[in-house]
C-alpha atoms as a PDB file:
ATOM      1  CA  MET A   1     -22.151  -0.741  18.110  1.00  0.00           C
ATOM      2  CA  ALA A   2     -22.783  -2.192  14.692  1.00  0.00           C
ATOM      3  CA  ILE A   3     -20.705  -4.699  12.774  1.00  0.00           C
ATOM      4  CA  ALA A   4     -19.427  -1.898  10.552  1.00  0.00           C
ATOM      5  CA  ASP A   5     -17.843  -0.173  13.592  1.00  0.00           C
ATOM      6  CA  ASP A   6     -16.542  -3.346  15.187  1.00  0.00           C
ATOM      7  CA  LEU A   7     -14.770  -4.905  12.253  1.00  0.00           C
ATOM      8  CA  PRO A   8     -11.967  -2.286  12.023  1.00  0.00           C
ATOM      9  CA  ILE A   9     -11.494  -2.590  15.788  1.00  0.00           C
ATOM     10  CA  LEU A  10     -11.385  -6.372  15.579  1.00  0.00           C
ATOM     11  CA  GLU A  11      -8.854  -6.217  12.725  1.00  0.00           C
ATOM     12  CA  LYS A  12      -6.605  -3.815  14.724  1.00  0.00           C
ATOM     13  CA  LYS A  13      -6.818  -5.913  17.831  1.00  0.00           C
ATOM     14  CA  VAL A  14      -6.047  -9.193  15.974  1.00  0.00           C
ATOM     15  CA  ALA A  15      -2.949  -7.493  14.367  1.00  0.00           C
ATOM     16  CA  GLU A  16      -1.873  -6.193  17.802  1.00  0.00           C
ATOM     17  CA  LEU A  17      -2.364  -9.578  19.350  1.00  0.00           C
ATOM     18  CA  VAL A  18      -0.223 -11.207  16.693  1.00  0.00           C
ATOM     19  CA  THR A  19       2.557  -8.659  17.418  1.00  0.00           C
ATOM     20  CA  ARG A  20       2.252  -9.011  21.212  1.00  0.00           C
ATOM     21  CA  TYR A  21       2.425 -12.822  21.025  1.00  0.00           C
ATOM     22  CA  ASP A  22       5.494 -12.584  18.736  1.00  0.00           C
ATOM     23  CA  GLN A  23       7.149 -10.293  21.293  1.00  0.00           C
ATOM     24  CA  TYR A  24       6.154 -12.733  24.107  1.00  0.00           C
ATOM     25  CA  PHE A  25       7.729 -15.704  22.286  1.00  0.00           C
ATOM     26  CA  ILE A  26      10.913 -13.741  21.527  1.00  0.00           C
ATOM     27  CA  GLY A  27      11.167 -12.644  25.117  1.00  0.00           C
ATOM     28  CA  PHE A  28      10.439  -8.921  24.908  1.00  0.00           C
ATOM     29  CA  GLU A  29       7.123  -9.347  26.724  1.00  0.00           C
ATOM     30  CA  LYS A  30       7.291 -11.081  30.086  1.00  0.00           C
ATOM     31  CA  ARG A  31       3.657 -12.223  30.183  1.00  0.00           C
ATOM     32  CA  GLU A  32       1.315 -13.683  27.695  1.00  0.00           C
ATOM     33  CA  PRO A  33      -1.184 -11.074  26.453  1.00  0.00           C
ATOM     34  CA  LEU A  34      -4.246 -12.712  27.979  1.00  0.00           C
ATOM     35  CA  VAL A  35      -6.252  -9.469  28.460  1.00  0.00           C
ATOM     36  CA  LEU A  36      -6.035  -8.532  24.813  1.00  0.00           C
ATOM     37  CA  LEU A  37      -6.823 -12.160  23.872  1.00  0.00           C
ATOM     38  CA  ALA A  38      -9.998 -12.032  26.039  1.00  0.00           C
ATOM     39  CA  GLU A  39     -11.011  -8.744  24.351  1.00  0.00           C
ATOM     40  CA  VAL A  40     -10.666 -10.276  20.888  1.00  0.00           C
ATOM     41  CA  GLU A  41     -12.569 -13.378  21.908  1.00  0.00           C
ATOM     42  CA  LYS A  42     -15.333 -11.209  23.253  1.00  0.00           C
ATOM     43  CA  LEU A  43     -15.616  -9.298  19.935  1.00  0.00           C
ATOM     44  CA  VAL A  44     -15.585 -12.600  17.965  1.00  0.00           C
ATOM     45  CA  LYS A  45     -18.343 -14.102  20.120  1.00  0.00           C
ATOM     46  CA  ARG A  46     -20.515 -11.006  19.841  1.00  0.00           C
ATOM     47  CA  TYR A  47     -21.309 -11.734  16.185  1.00  0.00           C
ATOM     48  CA  ALA A  48     -20.974 -15.508  16.203  1.00  0.00           C
ATOM     49  CA  THR A  49     -24.675 -16.121  16.766  1.00  0.00           C
ATOM     50  CA  SER A  50     -26.204 -13.037  15.214  1.00  0.00           C
ATOM     51  CA  PRO A  51     -26.786 -13.012  11.433  1.00  0.00           C
ATOM     52  CA  ILE A  52     -24.782 -10.582   9.290  1.00  0.00           C
ATOM     53  CA  ASN A  53     -26.850  -9.469   6.327  1.00  0.00           C
ATOM     54  CA  ASN A  54     -24.177  -7.469   4.478  1.00  0.00           C
ATOM     55  CA  THR A  55     -22.058  -9.931   2.396  1.00  0.00           C
ATOM     56  CA  MET A  56     -18.955  -7.760   2.551  1.00  0.00           C
ATOM     57  CA  TYR A  57     -19.076  -7.505   6.336  1.00  0.00           C
ATOM     58  CA  LYS A  58     -19.926 -11.199   6.682  1.00  0.00           C
ATOM     59  CA  HIS A  59     -16.919 -12.164   4.542  1.00  0.00           C
ATOM     60  CA  LYS A  60     -14.573  -9.836   6.362  1.00  0.00           C
ATOM     61  CA  TYR A  61     -15.773 -11.106   9.732  1.00  0.00           C
ATOM     62  CA  THR A  62     -15.377 -14.723   8.635  1.00  0.00           C
ATOM     63  CA  MET A  63     -11.847 -14.120   7.376  1.00  0.00           C
ATOM     64  CA  LEU A  64     -10.868 -12.337  10.545  1.00  0.00           C
ATOM     65  CA  VAL A  65     -12.259 -15.129  12.757  1.00  0.00           C
ATOM     66  CA  ALA A  66     -10.457 -17.715  10.612  1.00  0.00           C
ATOM     67  CA  LYS A  67      -7.194 -15.829  10.959  1.00  0.00           C
ATOM     68  CA  PHE A  68      -7.639 -15.442  14.660  1.00  0.00           C
ATOM     69  CA  ASN A  69      -8.472 -19.122  15.194  1.00  0.00           C
ATOM     70  CA  THR A  70      -5.447 -20.161  13.123  1.00  0.00           C
ATOM     71  CA  TYR A  71      -3.148 -18.007  15.164  1.00  0.00           C
ATOM     72  CA  ARG A  72      -4.738 -19.104  18.428  1.00  0.00           C
ATOM     73  CA  GLU A  73      -3.957 -22.788  17.581  1.00  0.00           C
ATOM     74  CA  TYR A  74      -0.408 -21.796  16.761  1.00  0.00           C
ATOM     75  CA  TRP A  75      -0.004 -19.797  20.000  1.00  0.00           C
ATOM     76  CA  ASN A  76      -1.455 -22.631  22.082  1.00  0.00           C
ATOM     77  CA  ARG A  77       0.962 -25.085  20.441  1.00  0.00           C
ATOM     78  CA  ILE A  78       3.997 -22.847  21.287  1.00  0.00           C
ATOM     79  CA  VAL A  79       2.811 -22.109  24.811  1.00  0.00           C
ATOM     80  CA  ARG A  80       2.395 -25.842  25.397  1.00  0.00           C
ATOM     81  CA  ALA A  81       5.947 -26.441  24.055  1.00  0.00           C
ATOM     82  CA  ILE A  82       7.291 -23.709  26.408  1.00  0.00           C
ATOM     83  CA  GLU A  83       5.559 -25.254  29.377  1.00  0.00           C
ATOM     84  CA  GLU A  84       6.924 -28.688  28.511  1.00  0.00           C
ATOM     85  CA  GLY A  85      10.443 -27.303  27.880  1.00  0.00           C
ATOM     86  CA  ARG A  86      10.455 -28.304  24.155  1.00  0.00           C
ATOM     87  CA  TYR A  87      10.509 -24.783  22.702  1.00  0.00           C
ATOM     88  CA  SER A  88      13.626 -24.508  20.580  1.00  0.00           C
ATOM     89  CA  ARG A  89      14.459 -20.852  21.347  1.00  0.00           C
ATOM     90  CA  ASP A  90      14.226 -21.415  25.137  1.00  0.00           C
ATOM     91  CA  LYS A  91      16.109 -24.639  24.935  1.00  0.00           C
ATOM     92  CA  PHE A  92      18.818 -23.053  22.746  1.00  0.00           C
ATOM     93  CA  ILE A  93      19.226 -20.090  25.038  1.00  0.00           C
ATOM     94  CA  SER A  94      19.347 -22.184  28.226  1.00  0.00           C
ATOM     95  CA  ASP A  95      21.878 -24.591  26.672  1.00  0.00           C
ATOM     96  CA  LEU A  96      23.951 -21.620  25.564  1.00  0.00           C
ATOM     97  CA  HIS A  97      23.911 -19.994  28.998  1.00  0.00           C
ATOM     98  CA  GLN A  98      24.750 -23.338  30.675  1.00  0.00           C
ATOM     99  CA  ARG A  99      27.651 -23.910  28.233  1.00  0.00           C
ATOM    100  CA  GLN A 100      28.919 -20.311  28.727  1.00  0.00           C
ATOM    101  CA  ARG A 101      28.802 -20.752  32.541  1.00  0.00           C
ATOM    102  CA  GLY A 102      30.634 -24.068  32.269  1.00  0.00           C
ATOM    103  CA  THR A 103      33.315 -22.736  29.875  1.00  0.00           C
ATOM    104  CA  THR A 104      33.882 -19.502  31.753  1.00  0.00           C
ATOM    105  CA  SER A 105      34.475 -21.360  35.047  1.00  0.00           C
ATOM    106  CA  GLN A 106      36.738 -23.806  33.210  1.00  0.00           C
ATOM    107  CA  GLN A 107      38.653 -20.975  31.544  1.00  0.00           C
ATOM    108  CA  THR A 108      39.190 -19.037  34.714  1.00  0.00           C
ATOM    109  CA  SER A 109      40.447 -22.157  36.546  1.00  0.00           C
ATOM    110  CA  ASP A 110      42.722 -23.270  33.700  1.00  0.00           C
ATOM    111  CA  LYS A 111      43.820 -19.755  32.559  1.00  0.00           C
ATOM    112  CA  ILE A 112      44.303 -21.297  29.029  1.00  0.00           C
ATOM    113  CA  PRO A 113      42.301 -19.880  26.141  1.00  0.00           C
ATOM    114  CA  ASN A 114      39.963 -22.405  24.652  1.00  0.00           C
ATOM    115  CA  SER A 115      38.692 -22.474  21.052  1.00  0.00           C
ATOM    116  CA  ARG A 116      35.911 -24.983  21.842  1.00  0.00           C
ATOM    117  CA  PRO A 117      33.295 -22.382  22.813  1.00  0.00           C
ATOM    118  CA  GLN A 118      33.539 -20.923  19.276  1.00  0.00           C
ATOM    119  CA  VAL A 119      32.989 -24.352  17.769  1.00  0.00           C
ATOM    120  CA  ASP A 120      30.131 -25.023  20.103  1.00  0.00           C
ATOM    121  CA  LEU A 121      28.463 -21.694  19.197  1.00  0.00           C
ATOM    122  CA  GLU A 122      28.945 -22.484  15.493  1.00  0.00           C
ATOM    123  CA  LEU A 123      27.290 -25.881  15.966  1.00  0.00           C
ATOM    124  CA  ASP A 124      24.452 -24.333  17.913  1.00  0.00           C
ATOM    125  CA  ARG A 125      23.867 -21.689  15.268  1.00  0.00           C
ATOM    126  CA  LEU A 126      23.884 -24.360  12.494  1.00  0.00           C
ATOM    127  CA  LEU A 127      21.524 -26.595  14.488  1.00  0.00           C
ATOM    128  CA  LEU A 128      19.036 -23.758  15.072  1.00  0.00           C
ATOM    129  CA  GLU A 129      19.179 -22.647  11.424  1.00  0.00           C
ATOM    130  CA  LEU A 130      18.833 -26.193  10.053  1.00  0.00           C
ATOM    131  CA  ARG A 131      15.877 -26.968  12.342  1.00  0.00           C
ATOM    132  CA  ASN A 132      14.121 -23.702  11.344  1.00  0.00           C
ATOM    133  CA  ALA A 133      14.731 -24.435   7.672  1.00  0.00           C
ATOM    134  CA  ARG A 134      13.319 -27.931   8.060  1.00  0.00           C
ATOM    135  CA  LYS A 135      10.237 -26.542   9.774  1.00  0.00           C
ATOM    136  CA  GLU A 136       9.699 -24.105   6.884  1.00  0.00           C
ATOM    137  CA  CYS A 137      10.024 -26.990   4.451  1.00  0.00           C
ATOM    138  CA  SER A 138       7.577 -29.105   6.488  1.00  0.00           C
ATOM    139  CA  LEU A 139      10.205 -31.736   7.293  1.00  0.00           C
ATOM    140  CA  PRO A 140      10.697 -33.425  10.690  1.00  0.00           C
ATOM    141  CA  VAL A 141      13.174 -31.610  12.966  1.00  0.00           C
ATOM    142  CA  GLU A 142      13.679 -34.395  15.540  1.00  0.00           C
ATOM    143  CA  THR A 143      16.110 -36.179  13.299  1.00  0.00           C
ATOM    144  CA  VAL A 144      18.550 -33.253  13.274  1.00  0.00           C
ATOM    145  CA  THR A 145      20.851 -33.405  16.288  1.00  0.00           C
ATOM    146  CA  ARG A 146      23.931 -31.542  17.281  1.00  0.00           C
ATOM    147  CA  GLU A 147      25.955 -34.783  17.110  1.00  0.00           C
ATOM    148  CA  LEU A 148      24.743 -35.470  13.573  1.00  0.00           C
ATOM    149  CA  ILE A 149      25.833 -31.996  12.382  1.00  0.00           C
ATOM    150  CA  ALA A 150      29.162 -32.341  14.154  1.00  0.00           C
ATOM    151  CA  ALA A 151      29.796 -35.794  12.543  1.00  0.00           C
ATOM    152  CA  THR A 152      28.866 -34.516   9.104  1.00  0.00           C
ATOM    153  CA  ILE A 153      31.143 -31.506   9.417  1.00  0.00           C
ATOM    154  CA  GLU A 154      34.101 -33.652  10.682  1.00  0.00           C
ATOM    155  CA  LYS A 155      33.595 -36.079   7.865  1.00  0.00           C
ATOM    156  CA  GLN A 156      33.505 -33.481   5.163  1.00  0.00           C
ATOM    157  CA  LYS A 157      36.125 -31.025   6.546  1.00  0.00           C
ATOM    158  CA  PRO A 158      39.267 -32.863   5.205  1.00  0.00           C
ATOM    159  CA  LEU A 159      37.698 -33.174   1.731  1.00  0.00           C
ATOM    160  CA  LEU A 160      36.587 -29.534   1.721  1.00  0.00           C
ATOM    161  CA  ALA A 161      40.010 -28.356   3.021  1.00  0.00           C
ATOM    162  CA  ALA A 162      41.720 -30.135   0.161  1.00  0.00           C
ATOM    163  CA  LYS A 163      39.193 -28.803  -2.407  1.00  0.00           C
ATOM    164  CA  LEU A 164      39.220 -25.217  -1.138  1.00  0.00           C
ATOM    165  CA  GLY A 165      42.898 -25.140  -0.262  1.00  0.00           C
ATOM    166  CA  THR A 166      42.402 -23.862   3.273  1.00  0.00           C
ATOM    167  CA  ASP A 167      41.330 -24.978   6.774  1.00  0.00           C
ATOM    168  CA  GLU A 168      39.386 -21.774   7.359  1.00  0.00           C
ATOM    169  CA  ILE A 169      35.971 -23.154   6.451  1.00  0.00           C
ATOM    170  CA  THR A 170      32.612 -21.953   7.594  1.00  0.00           C
ATOM    171  CA  PHE A 171      29.212 -23.487   7.040  1.00  0.00           C
ATOM    172  CA  ARG A 172      25.738 -22.062   6.338  1.00  0.00           C
ATOM    173  CA  VAL A 173      22.237 -23.425   5.806  1.00  0.00           C
ATOM    174  CA  VAL A 174      20.635 -23.110   2.402  1.00  0.00           C
ATOM    175  CA  VAL A 175      17.419 -24.535   0.919  1.00  0.00           C
ATOM    176  CA  GLU A 176      17.783 -26.151  -2.477  1.00  0.00           C
ATOM    177  CA  ASP A 177      14.898 -28.026  -4.186  1.00  0.00           C
ATOM    178  CA  GLY A 178      12.801 -27.777  -1.090  1.00  0.00           C
ATOM    179  CA  LYS A 179      15.454 -29.408   1.158  1.00  0.00           C
ATOM    180  CA  PRO A 180      17.735 -27.659   3.668  1.00  0.00           C
ATOM    181  CA  LYS A 181      21.456 -28.411   3.277  1.00  0.00           C
ATOM    182  CA  LEU A 182      24.759 -27.350   4.776  1.00  0.00           C
ATOM    183  CA  LYS A 183      26.973 -25.465   2.417  1.00  0.00           C
ATOM    184  CA  ALA A 184      30.625 -24.770   3.016  1.00  0.00           C
ATOM    185  CA  GLY A 185      32.641 -21.651   2.170  1.00  0.00           C
ATOM    186  CA  ILE A 186      35.902 -19.983   3.008  1.00  0.00           C
ATOM    187  CA  ARG A 187      35.810 -17.975   6.250  1.00  0.00           C
ATOM    188  CA  LYS A 188      36.334 -14.269   5.558  1.00  0.00           C
END
């Protein structure tokens, strides 16, 4: 096959690989798409050493290879984080499951309804949103902890309750001037 025939195939396979890796990281796919990754690498290597005379094809090939290499570095970083147990989605889900198991056994033994799980879920949601917003703004995420968010909310809650005239306050994460912040509002 010629480069003219392989470029559309390479483009489709790179797009499919991006989708399959996204599905793997979300949890829809159970296994990393290594077979498809190998196929794309084989196509990339086929033209790495041979000269491409057509400028349009050469440019398109170079752009596709650059895109693939960028994604591959990103995927390797996330796979490494998953293997080391530092991946935020996995950590969040395992903490959530562990908390739910702990609270359900406590609730069944006490037979008293508990509002703490709702507060815990709210803190987990805010932590995840704030960390994602900080990542998007290229800020460090290690400094944001669950305890820091809880302390900030507890400190601000009396002032906000007096200002808004109600204790039914909810928080959300917004980005202003390139910095993520917690904003309060009345729970609807």
